[in-house]
């Protein structure tokens, strides 16, 4: 039975991932939550109370984890949240990297974002790229999941953009961007994360871009 340590386990993706993992019965799940939010985790999860922005508050509890999954991030990211990308997204992954390195954890999975070059969400992509670099520097095997926008409950409005995506796929100049910054579903994300957990990179890093996520 693998031990999975998750940050961001009460969030949009994390809560659904935990539910999916519990159904298999093959994992011992430890989930980091802030004090007062313990009730948001389902039965069967080992609750770790701490602060994702303070490695010392949870580092000891991450010892011997087979997989460390970092899902912390600003809710509903937008260009207006540029400062929060630094104070929350980047700050939390800095702390996570120190935990992974200090405990010599073998495999880390990081929720990043599509790194396909574009002018859209440049600050967000930059912070996530820095997060990837920090985790690679720990020496752990790294799996980076790079969605663009995840469709699911409360997050369906981008479906209205489907005709624009279809048009973009017809034009050579925008075809690849439409592939790399396409829409994925929450089910595809949990499927990708589950696969990443059970298939660590054999050597170094494995990246799951949007077309890879869609395959799940």
N, C-alpha and C. Protein backbone atom coordinates (compact mmCIF):
# COMPACT_ATOMS: atom_id res chain seq x y z
N UNK A 1 0.84 -1.19 0.00
CA UNK A 1 0.00 0.00 0.00
C UNK A 1 0.87 1.24 0.00
N UNK A 2 0.68 2.10 -1.00
CA UNK A 2 1.47 3.33 -1.09
C UNK A 2 0.93 4.39 -0.13
N UNK A 3 1.85 5.15 0.44
CA UNK A 3 1.47 6.30 1.26
C UNK A 3 1.54 7.55 0.41
N UNK A 4 0.42 8.26 0.33
CA UNK A 4 0.31 9.48 -0.48
C UNK A 4 0.15 10.67 0.45
N UNK A 5 1.01 11.67 0.30
CA UNK A 5 0.88 12.91 1.07
C UNK A 5 0.39 13.99 0.11
N UNK A 6 -0.73 14.62 0.44
CA UNK A 6 -1.35 15.60 -0.46
C UNK A 6 -1.49 16.96 0.22
N UNK A 7 -1.04 18.00 -0.46
CA UNK A 7 -1.37 19.37 -0.05
C UNK A 7 -2.47 19.86 -0.98
N UNK A 8 -3.40 20.62 -0.45
CA UNK A 8 -4.51 21.09 -1.28
C UNK A 8 -5.59 20.04 -1.44
N UNK A 9 -5.69 19.14 -0.49
CA UNK A 9 -6.63 18.03 -0.59
C UNK A 9 -8.09 18.40 -0.42
N UNK A 10 -8.38 19.61 0.05
CA UNK A 10 -9.78 20.03 0.19
C UNK A 10 -10.23 20.89 -0.98
N UNK A 11 -9.35 21.10 -1.95
CA UNK A 11 -9.67 21.96 -3.07
C UNK A 11 -10.47 21.27 -4.16
N UNK A 12 -10.68 21.99 -5.23
CA UNK A 12 -11.50 21.56 -6.36
C UNK A 12 -11.01 20.24 -6.95
N UNK A 13 -9.72 20.14 -7.20
CA UNK A 13 -9.16 18.90 -7.75
C UNK A 13 -8.80 17.93 -6.64
N UNK A 14 -8.19 18.42 -5.58
CA UNK A 14 -7.73 17.55 -4.51
C UNK A 14 -8.83 16.74 -3.86
N UNK A 15 -9.98 17.33 -3.61
CA UNK A 15 -11.07 16.60 -2.96
C UNK A 15 -11.58 15.47 -3.84
N UNK A 16 -11.62 15.70 -5.13
CA UNK A 16 -12.09 14.66 -6.05
C UNK A 16 -11.03 13.58 -6.24
N UNK A 17 -9.77 13.97 -6.20
CA UNK A 17 -8.70 12.98 -6.30
C UNK A 17 -8.73 12.06 -5.08
N UNK A 18 -8.87 12.63 -3.90
CA UNK A 18 -8.91 11.82 -2.68
C UNK A 18 -10.08 10.84 -2.72
N UNK A 19 -11.25 11.29 -3.15
CA UNK A 19 -12.41 10.41 -3.24
C UNK A 19 -12.13 9.24 -4.18
N UNK A 20 -11.49 9.55 -5.32
CA UNK A 20 -11.18 8.49 -6.29
C UNK A 20 -10.16 7.50 -5.72
N UNK A 21 -9.17 8.01 -5.00
CA UNK A 21 -8.15 7.13 -4.44
C UNK A 21 -8.71 6.25 -3.33
N UNK A 22 -9.62 6.80 -2.53
CA UNK A 22 -10.21 6.03 -1.44
C UNK A 22 -11.03 4.86 -1.97
N UNK A 23 -11.64 5.04 -3.13
CA UNK A 23 -12.46 3.98 -3.71
C UNK A 23 -11.64 2.76 -4.08
N UNK A 24 -10.37 2.96 -4.38
CA UNK A 24 -9.53 1.83 -4.78
C UNK A 24 -9.08 1.01 -3.58
N UNK A 25 -8.94 1.66 -2.41
CA UNK A 25 -8.50 0.97 -1.21
C UNK A 25 -7.03 0.60 -1.23
N UNK A 26 -6.28 1.17 -2.17
CA UNK A 26 -4.87 0.78 -2.32
C UNK A 26 -3.89 1.80 -1.75
N UNK A 27 -4.40 2.86 -1.14
CA UNK A 27 -3.52 3.94 -0.71
C UNK A 27 -3.80 4.36 0.73
N UNK A 28 -2.71 4.68 1.43
CA UNK A 28 -2.82 5.35 2.73
C UNK A 28 -2.62 6.83 2.44
N UNK A 29 -3.66 7.61 2.64
CA UNK A 29 -3.64 9.03 2.26
C UNK A 29 -3.48 9.92 3.48
N UNK A 30 -2.46 10.78 3.41
CA UNK A 30 -2.27 11.83 4.39
C UNK A 30 -2.57 13.16 3.70
N UNK A 31 -3.42 13.97 4.29
CA UNK A 31 -3.79 15.23 3.65
C UNK A 31 -3.55 16.40 4.60
N UNK A 32 -2.84 17.40 4.10
CA UNK A 32 -2.55 18.60 4.87
C UNK A 32 -3.73 19.56 4.81
N UNK A 33 -4.19 20.01 5.97
CA UNK A 33 -5.27 20.99 6.03
C UNK A 33 -4.98 22.03 7.10
N UNK A 34 -5.54 23.20 6.89
CA UNK A 34 -5.42 24.24 7.92
C UNK A 34 -6.32 23.91 9.11
N UNK A 35 -5.92 24.36 10.28
CA UNK A 35 -6.71 24.13 11.48
C UNK A 35 -8.11 24.72 11.28
N UNK A 36 -9.10 23.93 11.57
CA UNK A 36 -10.49 24.37 11.40
C UNK A 36 -11.12 23.83 10.14
N UNK A 37 -10.30 23.25 9.25
CA UNK A 37 -10.83 22.71 7.99
C UNK A 37 -10.81 21.19 7.96
N UNK A 38 -10.51 20.59 9.10
CA UNK A 38 -10.41 19.14 9.15
C UNK A 38 -11.68 18.44 8.70
N UNK A 39 -12.83 19.08 8.96
CA UNK A 39 -14.12 18.47 8.61
C UNK A 39 -14.33 18.34 7.11
N UNK A 40 -13.51 19.01 6.32
CA UNK A 40 -13.67 18.97 4.86
C UNK A 40 -13.09 17.70 4.24
N UNK A 41 -12.35 16.94 5.04
CA UNK A 41 -11.76 15.71 4.53
C UNK A 41 -12.66 14.51 4.86
N UNK A 42 -12.75 13.55 3.96
CA UNK A 42 -13.61 12.38 4.20
C UNK A 42 -12.98 11.39 5.16
N UNK A 43 -13.78 10.48 5.67
CA UNK A 43 -13.27 9.42 6.53
C UNK A 43 -12.32 8.54 5.72
N UNK A 44 -11.32 8.04 6.40
CA UNK A 44 -10.35 7.19 5.74
C UNK A 44 -9.07 7.91 5.40
N UNK A 45 -9.05 9.24 5.62
CA UNK A 45 -7.86 10.04 5.35
C UNK A 45 -7.19 10.39 6.67
N UNK A 46 -5.87 10.27 6.72
CA UNK A 46 -5.13 10.72 7.90
C UNK A 46 -4.97 12.23 7.81
N UNK A 47 -5.52 12.94 8.76
CA UNK A 47 -5.51 14.40 8.74
C UNK A 47 -4.21 14.94 9.32
N UNK A 48 -3.55 15.80 8.55
CA UNK A 48 -2.33 16.46 8.99
C UNK A 48 -2.63 17.95 9.07
N UNK A 49 -2.71 18.47 10.29
CA UNK A 49 -3.01 19.89 10.46
C UNK A 49 -1.72 20.69 10.37
N UNK A 50 -1.71 21.66 9.50
CA UNK A 50 -0.51 22.48 9.32
C UNK A 50 -0.75 23.59 8.33
N UNK A 51 0.32 24.25 7.95
CA UNK A 51 0.26 25.41 7.07
C UNK A 51 1.13 25.16 5.85
N UNK A 52 0.54 25.17 4.66
CA UNK A 52 1.29 24.91 3.43
C UNK A 52 2.37 25.94 3.18
N UNK A 53 2.29 27.09 3.87
CA UNK A 53 3.30 28.13 3.72
C UNK A 53 4.38 28.04 4.79
N UNK A 54 4.35 26.97 5.56
CA UNK A 54 5.34 26.78 6.63
C UNK A 54 5.74 25.31 6.67
N UNK A 55 6.84 24.98 6.02
CA UNK A 55 7.28 23.59 5.91
C UNK A 55 7.44 22.93 7.28
N UNK A 56 7.90 23.69 8.27
CA UNK A 56 8.14 23.11 9.60
C UNK A 56 6.86 22.58 10.24
N UNK A 57 5.71 23.08 9.80
CA UNK A 57 4.45 22.67 10.41
C UNK A 57 3.99 21.29 9.95
N UNK A 58 4.61 20.75 8.89
CA UNK A 58 4.15 19.44 8.42
C UNK A 58 5.26 18.52 7.91
N UNK A 59 6.49 18.99 7.87
CA UNK A 59 7.57 18.21 7.29
C UNK A 59 7.72 16.82 7.91
N UNK A 60 7.66 16.74 9.24
CA UNK A 60 7.86 15.47 9.92
C UNK A 60 6.79 14.45 9.55
N UNK A 61 5.58 14.94 9.25
CA UNK A 61 4.47 14.05 8.92
C UNK A 61 4.57 13.51 7.49
N UNK A 62 5.43 14.12 6.69
CA UNK A 62 5.59 13.68 5.30
C UNK A 62 6.66 12.60 5.15
N UNK A 63 7.35 12.30 6.24
CA UNK A 63 8.41 11.29 6.18
C UNK A 63 7.85 9.95 5.68
N UNK A 64 8.63 9.30 4.86
CA UNK A 64 8.32 7.96 4.35
C UNK A 64 7.16 7.93 3.36
N UNK A 65 6.69 9.09 2.93
CA UNK A 65 5.65 9.09 1.90
C UNK A 65 6.24 8.57 0.59
N UNK A 66 5.48 7.74 -0.11
CA UNK A 66 5.93 7.24 -1.40
C UNK A 66 5.73 8.28 -2.50
N UNK A 67 4.67 9.07 -2.37
CA UNK A 67 4.36 10.10 -3.35
C UNK A 67 3.91 11.36 -2.63
N UNK A 68 4.47 12.48 -3.02
CA UNK A 68 4.08 13.79 -2.48
C UNK A 68 3.36 14.53 -3.60
N UNK A 69 2.11 14.92 -3.37
CA UNK A 69 1.32 15.60 -4.40
C UNK A 69 1.04 17.03 -3.95
N UNK A 70 1.47 17.99 -4.75
CA UNK A 70 1.28 19.40 -4.38
C UNK A 70 0.24 20.04 -5.29
N UNK A 71 -0.91 20.40 -4.69
CA UNK A 71 -2.03 20.95 -5.44
C UNK A 71 -2.42 22.36 -4.99
N UNK A 72 -1.60 22.98 -4.17
CA UNK A 72 -1.92 24.31 -3.65
C UNK A 72 -1.87 25.36 -4.77
N UNK A 73 -2.85 26.25 -4.77
CA UNK A 73 -2.86 27.33 -5.74
C UNK A 73 -4.01 28.28 -5.50
N UNK A 74 -3.92 29.45 -6.10
CA UNK A 74 -4.96 30.46 -5.99
C UNK A 74 -6.24 29.96 -6.66
N UNK A 75 -7.37 30.19 -6.02
CA UNK A 75 -8.64 29.83 -6.62
C UNK A 75 -8.94 30.72 -7.82
N UNK A 76 -9.48 30.15 -8.87
CA UNK A 76 -9.87 30.90 -10.06
C UNK A 76 -8.77 31.88 -10.50
N UNK A 77 -7.61 31.37 -10.87
CA UNK A 77 -6.51 32.26 -11.26
C UNK A 77 -6.88 33.17 -12.42
N UNK A 78 -6.42 34.42 -12.32
CA UNK A 78 -6.66 35.41 -13.36
C UNK A 78 -5.51 36.42 -13.31
N UNK A 79 -5.32 37.21 -14.36
CA UNK A 79 -4.24 38.20 -14.37
C UNK A 79 -4.28 39.15 -13.17
N UNK A 80 -5.46 39.37 -12.62
CA UNK A 80 -5.61 40.29 -11.49
C UNK A 80 -4.99 39.73 -10.21
N UNK A 81 -4.68 38.43 -10.20
CA UNK A 81 -4.14 37.80 -9.00
C UNK A 81 -2.63 37.59 -9.07
N UNK A 82 -1.96 38.42 -9.82
CA UNK A 82 -0.52 38.32 -10.02
C UNK A 82 0.25 38.23 -8.71
N UNK A 83 -0.07 39.08 -7.74
CA UNK A 83 0.65 39.07 -6.46
C UNK A 83 0.40 37.77 -5.69
N UNK A 84 -0.82 37.26 -5.75
CA UNK A 84 -1.16 36.03 -5.03
C UNK A 84 -0.43 34.83 -5.61
N UNK A 85 -0.13 34.89 -6.90
CA UNK A 85 0.63 33.79 -7.51
C UNK A 85 1.99 33.64 -6.82
N UNK A 86 2.54 34.76 -6.38
CA UNK A 86 3.84 34.75 -5.73
C UNK A 86 3.70 34.38 -4.25
N UNK A 87 2.74 35.01 -3.57
CA UNK A 87 2.62 34.81 -2.12
C UNK A 87 1.97 33.49 -1.73
N UNK A 88 1.24 32.87 -2.65
CA UNK A 88 0.59 31.60 -2.34
C UNK A 88 1.16 30.46 -3.18
N UNK A 89 1.03 30.55 -4.49
CA UNK A 89 1.47 29.46 -5.37
C UNK A 89 2.98 29.21 -5.24
N UNK A 90 3.76 30.25 -5.44
CA UNK A 90 5.22 30.09 -5.41
C UNK A 90 5.71 29.82 -3.99
N UNK A 91 5.18 30.56 -3.03
CA UNK A 91 5.62 30.38 -1.63
C UNK A 91 5.33 28.96 -1.14
N UNK A 92 4.19 28.41 -1.51
CA UNK A 92 3.83 27.07 -1.03
C UNK A 92 4.70 26.00 -1.68
N UNK A 93 5.04 26.17 -2.96
CA UNK A 93 5.87 25.15 -3.61
C UNK A 93 7.32 25.25 -3.13
N UNK A 94 7.75 26.44 -2.73
CA UNK A 94 9.07 26.57 -2.12
C UNK A 94 9.13 25.74 -0.84
N UNK A 95 8.08 25.82 -0.04
CA UNK A 95 8.03 25.06 1.20
C UNK A 95 7.92 23.56 0.90
N UNK A 96 7.11 23.21 -0.09
CA UNK A 96 6.96 21.80 -0.46
C UNK A 96 8.28 21.21 -0.92
N UNK A 97 9.03 21.97 -1.72
CA UNK A 97 10.32 21.48 -2.21
C UNK A 97 11.27 21.20 -1.05
N UNK A 98 11.24 22.05 -0.04
CA UNK A 98 12.13 21.82 1.11
C UNK A 98 11.73 20.56 1.86
N UNK A 99 10.43 20.28 1.93
CA UNK A 99 9.95 19.07 2.60
C UNK A 99 10.37 17.83 1.81
N UNK A 100 10.21 17.88 0.50
CA UNK A 100 10.59 16.75 -0.35
C UNK A 100 12.08 16.46 -0.22
N UNK A 101 12.87 17.53 -0.26
CA UNK A 101 14.33 17.35 -0.20
C UNK A 101 14.78 16.89 1.18
N UNK A 102 14.23 17.48 2.21
CA UNK A 102 14.64 17.14 3.58
C UNK A 102 14.32 15.69 3.91
N UNK A 103 13.22 15.19 3.40
CA UNK A 103 12.80 13.82 3.71
C UNK A 103 13.21 12.81 2.64
N UNK A 104 13.93 13.28 1.63
CA UNK A 104 14.39 12.40 0.55
C UNK A 104 13.23 11.61 -0.05
N UNK A 105 12.14 12.31 -0.33
CA UNK A 105 10.97 11.64 -0.88
C UNK A 105 11.24 11.26 -2.34
N UNK A 106 10.79 10.07 -2.75
CA UNK A 106 11.18 9.57 -4.06
C UNK A 106 10.43 10.14 -5.25
N UNK A 107 9.18 10.57 -5.04
CA UNK A 107 8.35 10.96 -6.19
C UNK A 107 7.44 12.12 -5.80
N UNK A 108 7.47 13.17 -6.59
CA UNK A 108 6.60 14.32 -6.35
C UNK A 108 5.77 14.60 -7.60
N UNK A 109 4.49 14.87 -7.38
CA UNK A 109 3.57 15.22 -8.47
C UNK A 109 3.12 16.66 -8.24
N UNK A 110 3.24 17.48 -9.26
CA UNK A 110 2.96 18.91 -9.12
C UNK A 110 1.92 19.34 -10.14
N UNK A 111 0.89 20.01 -9.67
CA UNK A 111 -0.12 20.57 -10.56
C UNK A 111 0.41 21.90 -11.10
N UNK A 112 0.89 21.85 -12.33
CA UNK A 112 1.45 23.03 -12.97
C UNK A 112 0.41 23.62 -13.92
N UNK A 113 0.84 24.16 -15.03
CA UNK A 113 -0.07 24.72 -16.03
C UNK A 113 0.62 24.64 -17.38
N UNK A 114 -0.15 24.65 -18.44
CA UNK A 114 0.42 24.59 -19.79
C UNK A 114 1.50 25.65 -19.96
N UNK A 115 2.64 25.23 -20.45
CA UNK A 115 3.75 26.15 -20.66
C UNK A 115 3.89 26.54 -22.14
N UNK A 116 2.85 26.29 -22.91
CA UNK A 116 2.90 26.69 -24.32
C UNK A 116 2.99 28.22 -24.39
N UNK A 117 3.95 28.76 -25.15
CA UNK A 117 4.16 30.22 -25.19
C UNK A 117 2.93 30.98 -25.68
N UNK A 118 2.50 31.95 -24.90
CA UNK A 118 1.40 32.83 -25.30
C UNK A 118 1.42 34.04 -24.38
N UNK A 119 0.66 35.06 -24.75
CA UNK A 119 0.60 36.26 -23.91
C UNK A 119 -0.43 36.12 -22.79
N UNK A 120 -1.19 35.04 -22.82
CA UNK A 120 -2.26 34.85 -21.84
C UNK A 120 -1.69 34.25 -20.55
N UNK A 121 -2.04 34.83 -19.41
CA UNK A 121 -1.65 34.32 -18.09
C UNK A 121 -0.14 34.12 -17.98
N UNK A 122 0.62 35.05 -18.49
CA UNK A 122 2.08 34.94 -18.51
C UNK A 122 2.66 34.83 -17.10
N UNK A 123 2.15 35.63 -16.16
CA UNK A 123 2.67 35.61 -14.79
C UNK A 123 2.39 34.27 -14.11
N UNK A 124 1.23 33.74 -14.36
CA UNK A 124 0.85 32.46 -13.78
C UNK A 124 1.74 31.34 -14.32
N UNK A 125 1.95 31.34 -15.62
CA UNK A 125 2.80 30.32 -16.22
C UNK A 125 4.24 30.42 -15.69
N UNK A 126 4.71 31.65 -15.50
CA UNK A 126 6.07 31.86 -15.01
C UNK A 126 6.25 31.29 -13.60
N UNK A 127 5.28 31.54 -12.73
CA UNK A 127 5.36 31.04 -11.36
C UNK A 127 5.34 29.51 -11.34
N UNK A 128 4.49 28.92 -12.16
CA UNK A 128 4.41 27.46 -12.20
C UNK A 128 5.70 26.85 -12.77
N UNK A 129 6.31 27.53 -13.73
CA UNK A 129 7.59 27.05 -14.26
C UNK A 129 8.66 27.08 -13.18
N UNK A 130 8.64 28.12 -12.35
CA UNK A 130 9.59 28.20 -11.24
C UNK A 130 9.34 27.07 -10.25
N UNK A 131 8.08 26.75 -10.03
CA UNK A 131 7.75 25.65 -9.14
C UNK A 131 8.29 24.33 -9.65
N UNK A 132 8.17 24.11 -10.94
CA UNK A 132 8.71 22.89 -11.54
C UNK A 132 10.23 22.82 -11.32
N UNK A 133 10.91 23.94 -11.53
CA UNK A 133 12.37 23.97 -11.38
C UNK A 133 12.77 23.68 -9.93
N UNK A 134 12.04 24.24 -8.99
CA UNK A 134 12.34 24.01 -7.58
C UNK A 134 12.22 22.53 -7.22
N UNK A 135 11.20 21.89 -7.72
CA UNK A 135 10.98 20.48 -7.40
C UNK A 135 11.99 19.59 -8.10
N UNK A 136 12.35 19.93 -9.32
CA UNK A 136 13.38 19.15 -10.01
C UNK A 136 14.71 19.20 -9.24
N UNK A 137 14.99 20.36 -8.64
CA UNK A 137 16.25 20.53 -7.91
C UNK A 137 16.33 19.69 -6.64
N UNK A 138 15.21 19.12 -6.20
CA UNK A 138 15.23 18.29 -4.98
C UNK A 138 15.86 16.93 -5.22
N UNK A 139 15.94 16.51 -6.47
CA UNK A 139 16.47 15.19 -6.78
C UNK A 139 15.41 14.10 -6.84
N UNK A 140 14.15 14.46 -6.53
CA UNK A 140 13.07 13.48 -6.59
C UNK A 140 12.66 13.24 -8.04
N UNK A 141 12.04 12.09 -8.30
CA UNK A 141 11.39 11.88 -9.59
C UNK A 141 10.18 12.80 -9.64
N UNK A 142 9.99 13.50 -10.75
CA UNK A 142 8.94 14.51 -10.83
C UNK A 142 7.94 14.22 -11.94
N UNK A 143 6.67 14.32 -11.60
CA UNK A 143 5.60 14.25 -12.58
C UNK A 143 4.89 15.60 -12.57
N UNK A 144 4.90 16.29 -13.72
CA UNK A 144 4.28 17.60 -13.81
C UNK A 144 3.02 17.51 -14.68
N UNK A 145 1.89 17.89 -14.08
CA UNK A 145 0.61 17.86 -14.79
C UNK A 145 0.32 19.28 -15.25
N UNK A 146 0.14 19.46 -16.57
CA UNK A 146 0.02 20.81 -17.13
C UNK A 146 -1.31 21.03 -17.86
N UNK A 147 -2.40 21.20 -17.14
CA UNK A 147 -3.66 21.53 -17.80
C UNK A 147 -3.68 23.01 -18.16
N UNK A 148 -4.75 23.44 -18.80
CA UNK A 148 -4.97 24.87 -19.04
C UNK A 148 -6.21 25.31 -18.26
N UNK A 149 -7.35 24.75 -18.58
CA UNK A 149 -8.56 25.02 -17.80
C UNK A 149 -9.28 23.70 -17.58
N UNK A 150 -9.71 23.48 -16.33
CA UNK A 150 -10.33 22.21 -15.96
C UNK A 150 -11.84 22.40 -15.81
N UNK A 151 -12.59 21.73 -16.66
CA UNK A 151 -14.04 21.79 -16.62
C UNK A 151 -14.58 20.87 -15.53
N UNK A 152 -15.63 21.32 -14.85
CA UNK A 152 -16.26 20.51 -13.82
C UNK A 152 -17.32 21.32 -13.12
N UNK A 153 -17.92 20.79 -12.06
CA UNK A 153 -18.97 21.52 -11.33
C UNK A 153 -18.53 22.92 -10.95
N UNK A 154 -19.32 23.91 -11.35
CA UNK A 154 -19.00 25.30 -11.08
C UNK A 154 -17.95 25.88 -12.02
N UNK A 155 -17.47 25.08 -12.95
CA UNK A 155 -16.41 25.52 -13.86
C UNK A 155 -16.76 25.14 -15.31
N UNK A 156 -18.01 25.34 -15.69
CA UNK A 156 -18.44 24.92 -17.02
C UNK A 156 -18.44 26.04 -18.06
N UNK A 157 -18.34 27.30 -17.64
CA UNK A 157 -18.54 28.40 -18.59
C UNK A 157 -17.62 28.35 -19.82
N UNK A 158 -16.36 27.85 -19.73
CA UNK A 158 -15.51 27.84 -20.94
C UNK A 158 -16.05 26.97 -22.07
N UNK A 159 -17.07 26.14 -21.80
CA UNK A 159 -17.67 25.36 -22.89
C UNK A 159 -18.19 26.30 -23.97
N UNK A 160 -18.53 27.53 -23.57
CA UNK A 160 -19.01 28.51 -24.55
C UNK A 160 -17.93 28.84 -25.58
N UNK A 161 -16.67 28.54 -25.25
CA UNK A 161 -15.57 28.83 -26.16
C UNK A 161 -15.30 27.69 -27.14
N UNK A 162 -16.07 26.60 -27.04
CA UNK A 162 -15.83 25.44 -27.89
C UNK A 162 -15.80 25.79 -29.37
N UNK A 163 -16.73 26.62 -29.89
CA UNK A 163 -16.67 26.98 -31.32
C UNK A 163 -15.35 27.69 -31.69
N UNK A 164 -14.82 28.49 -30.78
CA UNK A 164 -13.56 29.18 -31.05
C UNK A 164 -12.40 28.19 -31.11
N UNK A 165 -12.44 27.20 -30.22
CA UNK A 165 -11.40 26.17 -30.26
C UNK A 165 -11.46 25.39 -31.57
N UNK A 166 -12.68 25.10 -32.00
CA UNK A 166 -12.85 24.36 -33.26
C UNK A 166 -12.28 25.16 -34.43
N UNK A 167 -12.54 26.45 -34.43
CA UNK A 167 -12.00 27.30 -35.49
C UNK A 167 -10.48 27.36 -35.42
N UNK A 168 -9.93 27.47 -34.20
CA UNK A 168 -8.48 27.55 -34.03
C UNK A 168 -7.79 26.30 -34.55
N UNK A 169 -8.45 25.15 -34.40
CA UNK A 169 -7.84 23.90 -34.87
C UNK A 169 -7.77 23.84 -36.39
N UNK A 170 -8.59 24.64 -37.07
CA UNK A 170 -8.60 24.64 -38.53
C UNK A 170 -7.50 25.52 -39.11
N UNK A 171 -6.99 26.44 -38.29
CA UNK A 171 -6.00 27.40 -38.78
C UNK A 171 -4.59 26.95 -38.38
N UNK A 172 -3.68 26.79 -39.33
CA UNK A 172 -2.32 26.33 -39.00
C UNK A 172 -1.63 27.17 -37.95
N UNK A 173 -1.87 28.49 -37.96
CA UNK A 173 -1.16 29.38 -37.04
C UNK A 173 -1.61 29.21 -35.59
N UNK A 174 -2.81 28.71 -35.37
CA UNK A 174 -3.33 28.56 -34.00
C UNK A 174 -3.61 27.10 -33.63
N UNK A 175 -3.34 26.18 -34.53
CA UNK A 175 -3.70 24.78 -34.30
C UNK A 175 -3.00 24.19 -33.07
N UNK A 176 -1.69 24.40 -32.97
CA UNK A 176 -0.96 23.80 -31.86
C UNK A 176 -1.33 24.45 -30.53
N UNK A 177 -1.55 25.75 -30.52
CA UNK A 177 -1.95 26.41 -29.28
C UNK A 177 -3.30 25.88 -28.81
N UNK A 178 -4.22 25.63 -29.74
CA UNK A 178 -5.53 25.10 -29.36
C UNK A 178 -5.40 23.71 -28.76
N UNK A 179 -4.40 22.93 -29.18
CA UNK A 179 -4.15 21.61 -28.62
C UNK A 179 -3.55 21.72 -27.22
N UNK A 180 -2.55 22.57 -27.08
CA UNK A 180 -1.80 22.66 -25.83
C UNK A 180 -2.52 23.48 -24.76
N UNK A 181 -3.48 24.31 -25.17
CA UNK A 181 -4.24 25.10 -24.20
C UNK A 181 -5.74 24.81 -24.34
N UNK A 182 -6.03 23.54 -24.61
CA UNK A 182 -7.42 23.11 -24.71
C UNK A 182 -8.03 22.86 -23.35
N UNK A 183 -9.30 22.53 -23.36
CA UNK A 183 -10.05 22.29 -22.13
C UNK A 183 -9.99 20.81 -21.76
N UNK A 184 -9.83 20.53 -20.48
CA UNK A 184 -9.86 19.15 -19.98
C UNK A 184 -10.92 19.07 -18.89
N UNK A 185 -11.36 17.86 -18.57
CA UNK A 185 -12.38 17.69 -17.55
C UNK A 185 -11.76 17.27 -16.22
N UNK A 186 -12.52 17.44 -15.16
CA UNK A 186 -12.04 17.03 -13.85
C UNK A 186 -11.82 15.52 -13.80
N UNK A 187 -12.63 14.76 -14.54
CA UNK A 187 -12.45 13.32 -14.58
C UNK A 187 -11.13 12.96 -15.26
N UNK A 188 -10.80 13.68 -16.33
CA UNK A 188 -9.52 13.44 -17.01
C UNK A 188 -8.35 13.80 -16.10
N UNK A 189 -8.53 14.83 -15.28
CA UNK A 189 -7.46 15.24 -14.35
C UNK A 189 -7.24 14.19 -13.27
N UNK A 190 -8.31 13.68 -12.68
CA UNK A 190 -8.13 12.68 -11.64
C UNK A 190 -7.57 11.39 -12.24
N UNK A 191 -7.96 11.08 -13.47
CA UNK A 191 -7.40 9.92 -14.15
C UNK A 191 -5.91 10.07 -14.39
N UNK A 192 -5.50 11.25 -14.81
CA UNK A 192 -4.09 11.52 -15.05
C UNK A 192 -3.29 11.46 -13.76
N UNK A 193 -3.82 12.05 -12.71
CA UNK A 193 -3.13 12.03 -11.42
C UNK A 193 -2.99 10.62 -10.88
N UNK A 194 -4.05 9.83 -11.02
CA UNK A 194 -3.98 8.44 -10.57
C UNK A 194 -2.92 7.68 -11.34
N UNK A 195 -2.88 7.89 -12.65
CA UNK A 195 -1.87 7.22 -13.47
C UNK A 195 -0.47 7.65 -13.05
N UNK A 196 -0.30 8.95 -12.81
CA UNK A 196 1.02 9.46 -12.42
C UNK A 196 1.48 8.87 -11.09
N UNK A 197 0.53 8.67 -10.18
CA UNK A 197 0.87 8.07 -8.88
C UNK A 197 1.43 6.67 -9.06
N UNK A 198 0.78 5.90 -9.91
CA UNK A 198 1.15 4.49 -10.06
C UNK A 198 2.22 4.26 -11.13
N UNK A 199 2.60 5.31 -11.84
CA UNK A 199 3.63 5.18 -12.87
C UNK A 199 4.66 6.32 -12.73
N UNK A 200 5.49 6.25 -11.69
CA UNK A 200 6.51 7.31 -11.52
C UNK A 200 7.49 7.29 -12.68
N UNK A 201 8.11 8.43 -12.96
CA UNK A 201 9.11 8.47 -14.04
C UNK A 201 10.25 7.50 -13.76
N UNK A 202 10.72 6.86 -14.79
CA UNK A 202 11.83 5.93 -14.59
C UNK A 202 13.14 6.66 -14.38
N UNK A 203 13.22 7.86 -14.91
CA UNK A 203 14.47 8.61 -14.77
C UNK A 203 14.21 10.10 -14.95
N UNK A 204 14.07 10.83 -13.84
CA UNK A 204 13.96 12.28 -13.93
C UNK A 204 12.56 12.82 -13.90
N UNK A 205 12.05 13.22 -15.07
CA UNK A 205 10.81 13.99 -15.13
C UNK A 205 9.87 13.42 -16.19
N UNK A 206 8.59 13.43 -15.87
CA UNK A 206 7.58 13.14 -16.88
C UNK A 206 6.56 14.27 -16.88
N UNK A 207 6.26 14.77 -18.07
CA UNK A 207 5.33 15.89 -18.21
C UNK A 207 4.06 15.42 -18.90
N UNK A 208 2.93 15.81 -18.32
CA UNK A 208 1.63 15.50 -18.90
C UNK A 208 1.02 16.80 -19.41
N UNK A 209 1.10 17.03 -20.71
CA UNK A 209 0.50 18.20 -21.32
C UNK A 209 -0.98 17.94 -21.61
N UNK A 210 -1.68 18.96 -22.09
CA UNK A 210 -3.12 18.84 -22.32
C UNK A 210 -3.49 17.63 -23.18
N UNK A 211 -2.82 17.38 -24.31
CA UNK A 211 -3.18 16.19 -25.10
C UNK A 211 -3.02 14.88 -24.32
N UNK A 212 -2.03 14.83 -23.43
CA UNK A 212 -1.83 13.64 -22.60
C UNK A 212 -2.95 13.49 -21.60
N UNK A 213 -3.35 14.61 -20.98
CA UNK A 213 -4.43 14.58 -20.00
C UNK A 213 -5.74 14.12 -20.65
N UNK A 214 -6.00 14.59 -21.86
CA UNK A 214 -7.21 14.21 -22.57
C UNK A 214 -7.28 12.71 -22.82
N UNK A 215 -6.11 12.07 -22.89
CA UNK A 215 -6.08 10.62 -23.14
C UNK A 215 -6.67 9.83 -21.99
N UNK A 216 -6.80 10.46 -20.83
CA UNK A 216 -7.35 9.77 -19.66
C UNK A 216 -8.83 10.10 -19.47
